[in-house]
Amino acid sequence: MKTILVVEDEQTISRVLAVYLQHAGYKVVQAYDGEEALRLFNDHTPNLVLLDVMLPGKDGWGILEEIRKISACPVIMLTALGDIDYRLKGLNQGADDYITKPFVGEEVIARVHAVLRRSANVLDTENSKQFGCLKINLDSRVVTINGEEVILTPKDLSLLIFLTERPNRTFTRDDLIESVLGMDYEGSDRAVDLAIKRIRHALGEWPVTQGEIRTHRGLGYQFCVYEK
């Protein structure tokens, strides 16, 4: 089930949006001010954000800017400001669509569907995997966190890709040696432990709320992805 973060300080409007979205099959997380919005965004890693411009504290423009620093998550701006300059500002800052109040609930759902379809197509075209702000381009073999490239050795990168292609599954050291390092590998199985240690260090900026490489003592390693 896809998660939509609704950022709207008017509780009546927020409740109406939540009802429409839930009826359409989405999980809804609601925030009523800018600070809460950013905290919930990091905690829940939503698939899309419905973002009001006029908010107490940090406004929608500021929230959009912060989201774009760490994620390509689709954002639809929601506001009573109907002037063309405001619409252009939102789109130029990285918004994916723009809806003005008063709105029709069915139109909001249609736009949400459309933006999510476009987003899915982009990810498919890029042949990439994204886990919150961690992105792995499988064609270029480039790993980024918050848009900044993460440098890994070829073997460490192959190990990370192997694990991310099989999330939430546990692999023994022998599994990883056979699948990644090769069956003719003659080094110590401690090499796997050291590789995992290097990968964890390289992914240090990846929030633990989004995922982690977990050690299961006596069993092996697992690339955990947290879906909240």
Protein backbone atom coordinates (compact mmCIF):
# COMPACT_ATOMS: atom_id res chain seq x y z
CA MET A 1 0.00 0.00 0.00
CA LYS A 2 1.41 3.38 -1.02
CA THR A 3 1.71 6.09 1.63
CA ILE A 4 0.63 9.70 1.08
CA LEU A 5 1.81 12.44 3.43
CA VAL A 6 -0.80 15.20 3.66
CA VAL A 7 0.63 18.48 4.95
CA GLU A 8 -2.30 20.83 5.64
CA ASP A 9 -2.89 23.02 8.69
CA GLU A 10 -6.67 23.27 8.22
CA GLN A 11 -7.87 20.10 9.91
CA THR A 12 -11.21 20.00 8.07
CA ILE A 13 -9.47 20.01 4.69
CA SER A 14 -6.91 17.48 5.92
CA ARG A 15 -9.67 15.11 7.06
CA VAL A 16 -11.49 15.40 3.72
CA LEU A 17 -8.31 14.63 1.81
CA ALA A 18 -7.58 11.68 4.11
CA VAL A 19 -11.04 10.18 3.49
CA TYR A 20 -10.73 10.44 -0.30
CA LEU A 21 -7.20 9.00 -0.30
CA GLN A 22 -8.09 6.13 2.03
CA HIS A 23 -11.11 5.24 -0.09
CA ALA A 24 -8.74 5.17 -3.09
CA GLY A 25 -6.57 2.60 -1.31
CA TYR A 26 -3.76 4.74 0.09
CA LYS A 27 -2.31 4.88 3.58
CA VAL A 28 -2.45 8.47 4.86
CA VAL A 29 -0.09 10.25 7.24
CA GLN A 30 -1.13 13.77 8.32
CA ALA A 31 1.01 16.73 9.36
CA TYR A 32 -0.29 20.16 10.39
CA ASP A 33 2.86 22.31 10.35
CA GLY A 34 6.23 22.44 8.64
CA GLU A 35 8.39 20.91 11.35
CA GLU A 36 6.02 17.99 11.84
CA ALA A 37 5.91 17.48 8.06
CA LEU A 38 9.68 17.05 7.77
CA ARG A 39 9.81 14.71 10.76
CA LEU A 40 7.04 12.50 9.38
CA PHE A 41 8.60 12.55 5.92
CA ASN A 42 11.82 11.11 7.34
CA ASP A 43 9.96 8.62 9.53
CA HIS A 44 7.55 7.26 6.91
CA THR A 45 9.32 7.75 3.53
CA PRO A 46 6.01 8.44 1.73
CA ASN A 47 5.40 7.69 -1.93
CA LEU A 48 3.91 11.16 -2.50
CA VAL A 49 3.38 14.41 -0.58
CA LEU A 50 0.32 16.67 -0.80
CA LEU A 51 1.81 19.95 0.43
CA ASP A 52 -0.04 23.13 1.37
CA VAL A 53 1.90 26.34 0.79
CA MET A 54 0.57 28.47 3.65
CA LEU A 55 1.59 26.72 6.87
CA PRO A 56 2.54 27.87 10.37
CA GLY A 57 6.30 27.87 10.95
CA LYS A 58 8.18 26.64 7.87
CA ASP A 59 5.99 27.23 4.80
CA GLY A 60 5.44 24.90 1.86
CA TRP A 61 8.23 26.42 -0.21
CA GLY A 62 10.71 25.73 2.59
CA ILE A 63 9.46 22.17 3.04
CA LEU A 64 9.68 21.50 -0.70
CA GLU A 65 13.25 22.77 -0.71
CA GLU A 66 14.19 20.48 2.19
CA ILE A 67 12.53 17.46 0.56
CA ARG A 68 14.36 18.05 -2.71
CA LYS A 69 17.70 18.01 -0.87
CA ILE A 70 17.15 14.39 0.16
CA SER A 71 14.56 12.83 -2.12
CA ALA A 72 12.90 12.73 -5.54
CA CYS A 73 9.59 11.86 -3.87
CA PRO A 74 6.69 13.33 -5.92
CA VAL A 75 5.17 16.49 -4.42
CA ILE A 76 1.84 18.08 -5.33
CA MET A 77 1.42 21.65 -4.06
CA LEU A 78 -1.98 22.44 -2.58
CA THR A 79 -2.94 26.05 -1.95
CA ALA A 80 -5.53 28.80 -2.30
CA LEU A 81 -3.00 30.88 -4.22
CA GLY A 82 -4.14 30.63 -7.81
CA ASP A 83 -1.87 33.23 -9.41
CA ILE A 84 0.26 31.90 -12.29
CA ASP A 85 3.44 33.19 -10.62
CA TYR A 86 2.85 30.96 -7.59
CA ARG A 87 2.19 27.93 -9.80
CA LEU A 88 5.38 28.54 -11.74
CA LYS A 89 7.34 29.03 -8.52
CA GLY A 90 6.22 25.65 -7.22
CA LEU A 91 6.97 23.84 -10.48
CA ASN A 92 10.35 25.53 -10.86
CA GLN A 93 11.32 24.52 -7.31
CA GLY A 94 10.65 20.86 -8.08
CA ALA A 95 6.93 20.32 -7.48
CA ASP A 96 5.35 17.68 -9.71
CA ASP A 97 1.88 19.22 -9.89
CA TYR A 98 -0.20 22.06 -8.47
CA ILE A 99 -3.82 22.08 -7.24
CA THR A 100 -5.67 25.22 -6.15
CA LYS A 101 -8.41 25.44 -3.54
CA PRO A 102 -11.31 24.94 -3.56
CA PHE A 103 -10.72 21.53 -5.08
CA VAL A 104 -12.84 18.53 -6.04
CA GLY A 105 -11.81 15.37 -4.24
CA GLU A 106 -12.00 13.23 -7.36
CA GLU A 107 -9.63 15.61 -9.16
CA VAL A 108 -7.09 15.32 -6.34
CA ILE A 109 -7.20 11.51 -6.57
CA ALA A 110 -6.85 11.60 -10.36
CA ARG A 111 -3.79 13.86 -10.09
CA VAL A 112 -2.26 11.67 -7.38
CA HIS A 113 -2.71 8.60 -9.61
CA ALA A 114 -1.18 10.42 -12.59
CA VAL A 115 1.86 11.73 -10.71
CA LEU A 116 2.58 8.30 -9.18
CA ARG A 117 2.36 6.68 -12.62
CA ARG A 118 4.83 9.21 -14.06
CA SER A 119 7.16 8.69 -11.10
CA ALA A 120 7.09 4.90 -11.51
CA ASN A 121 7.89 5.21 -15.22
CA VAL A 122 10.92 7.41 -14.51
CA LEU A 123 12.33 4.91 -12.03
CA ASP A 124 11.79 2.04 -14.47
CA THR A 125 13.55 3.93 -17.25
CA GLU A 126 16.55 4.70 -15.06
CA ASN A 127 16.84 1.04 -13.99
CA SER A 128 17.48 2.15 -10.44
CA LYS A 129 16.53 1.21 -6.92
CA GLN A 130 15.62 3.79 -4.31
CA PHE A 131 15.31 3.32 -0.58
CA GLY A 132 14.40 6.72 0.88
CA CYS A 133 17.32 9.01 0.08
CA LEU A 134 19.56 6.06 -0.92
CA LYS A 135 19.56 5.51 -4.68
CA ILE A 136 21.41 2.89 -6.71
CA ASN A 137 21.59 3.24 -10.50
CA LEU A 138 22.08 -0.29 -11.77
CA ASP A 139 23.17 0.84 -15.24
CA SER A 140 25.90 3.27 -14.19
CA ARG A 141 26.56 1.44 -10.88
CA VAL A 142 26.48 4.78 -9.09
CA VAL A 143 25.24 4.99 -5.48
CA THR A 144 24.03 8.29 -4.05
CA ILE A 145 22.63 9.50 -0.74
CA ASN A 146 20.81 12.82 -0.80
CA GLY A 147 22.17 13.25 -4.32
CA GLU A 148 25.82 12.90 -3.20
CA GLU A 149 27.80 10.01 -4.70
CA VAL A 150 28.96 7.26 -2.34
CA ILE A 151 32.34 5.77 -3.23
CA LEU A 152 32.66 1.99 -2.91
CA THR A 153 35.17 -0.55 -4.18
CA PRO A 154 33.88 -2.76 -7.04
CA LYS A 155 33.52 -5.80 -4.74
CA ASP A 156 31.79 -3.80 -2.01
CA LEU A 157 29.44 -2.30 -4.60
CA SER A 158 28.63 -5.75 -5.98
CA LEU A 159 27.89 -6.96 -2.45
CA LEU A 160 25.61 -3.98 -1.75
CA ILE A 161 23.73 -4.46 -5.04
CA PHE A 162 23.32 -8.18 -4.32
CA LEU A 163 21.75 -7.43 -0.92
CA THR A 164 19.52 -4.57 -2.16
CA GLU A 165 18.12 -6.77 -4.92
CA ARG A 166 17.00 -9.19 -2.19
CA PRO A 167 15.76 -6.96 0.63
CA ASN A 168 14.76 -8.41 4.00
CA ARG A 169 16.45 -11.77 3.27
CA THR A 170 19.30 -13.15 5.38
CA PHE A 171 22.47 -14.51 3.78
CA THR A 172 25.33 -16.39 5.46
CA ARG A 173 28.96 -15.48 4.84
CA ASP A 174 29.23 -18.57 2.62
CA ASP A 175 26.20 -17.43 0.60
CA LEU A 176 27.80 -14.05 -0.01
CA ILE A 177 31.21 -15.52 -0.84
CA GLU A 178 29.66 -17.90 -3.37
CA SER A 179 27.27 -15.36 -4.91
CA VAL A 180 29.43 -12.22 -4.93
CA LEU A 181 33.10 -13.05 -4.38
CA GLY A 182 33.03 -16.24 -6.43
CA MET A 183 33.22 -19.92 -5.55
CA ASP A 184 37.00 -19.94 -6.13
CA TYR A 185 37.56 -17.25 -3.48
CA GLU A 186 40.36 -18.35 -1.16
CA GLY A 187 40.33 -15.55 1.40
CA SER A 188 39.00 -15.67 4.95
CA ASP A 189 35.26 -15.36 5.50
CA ARG A 190 36.20 -12.39 7.68
CA ALA A 191 36.52 -10.53 4.38
CA VAL A 192 32.73 -10.46 4.24
CA ASP A 193 32.55 -8.91 7.72
CA LEU A 194 35.07 -6.25 6.72
CA ALA A 195 33.22 -5.51 3.49
CA ILE A 196 29.95 -5.06 5.38
CA LYS A 197 31.74 -2.75 7.83
CA ARG A 198 33.04 -0.61 4.95
CA ILE A 199 29.62 -0.47 3.29
CA ARG A 200 27.95 0.60 6.55
CA HIS A 201 30.53 3.34 6.97
CA ALA A 202 29.99 4.54 3.38
CA LEU A 203 26.21 4.63 3.96
CA GLY A 204 26.59 6.63 7.17
CA GLU A 205 24.31 9.44 5.95
CA TRP A 206 21.46 7.01 5.16
CA PRO A 207 18.87 7.47 7.96
CA VAL A 208 18.41 4.34 10.06
CA THR A 209 14.66 5.05 9.96
CA GLN A 210 14.72 4.10 6.25
CA GLY A 211 16.79 0.93 6.47
CA GLU A 212 20.07 -0.69 7.45
CA ILE A 213 22.33 -3.67 6.90
CA ARG A 214 21.55 -5.81 9.92
CA THR A 215 23.66 -8.55 11.48
CA HIS A 216 21.79 -11.67 12.61
CA ARG A 217 24.21 -13.45 14.91
CA GLY A 218 24.83 -17.03 13.89
CA LEU A 219 22.89 -16.53 10.66
CA GLY A 220 24.36 -13.77 8.53
CA TYR A 221 23.49 -10.37 7.06
CA GLN A 222 20.29 -8.79 5.86
CA PHE A 223 19.51 -5.58 3.96
CA CYS A 224 16.49 -4.32 5.89
CA VAL A 225 14.04 -1.85 4.37
CA TYR A 226 11.60 -0.27 6.79
CA GLU A 227 8.08 0.31 5.44
CA LYS A 228 5.99 2.32 7.91
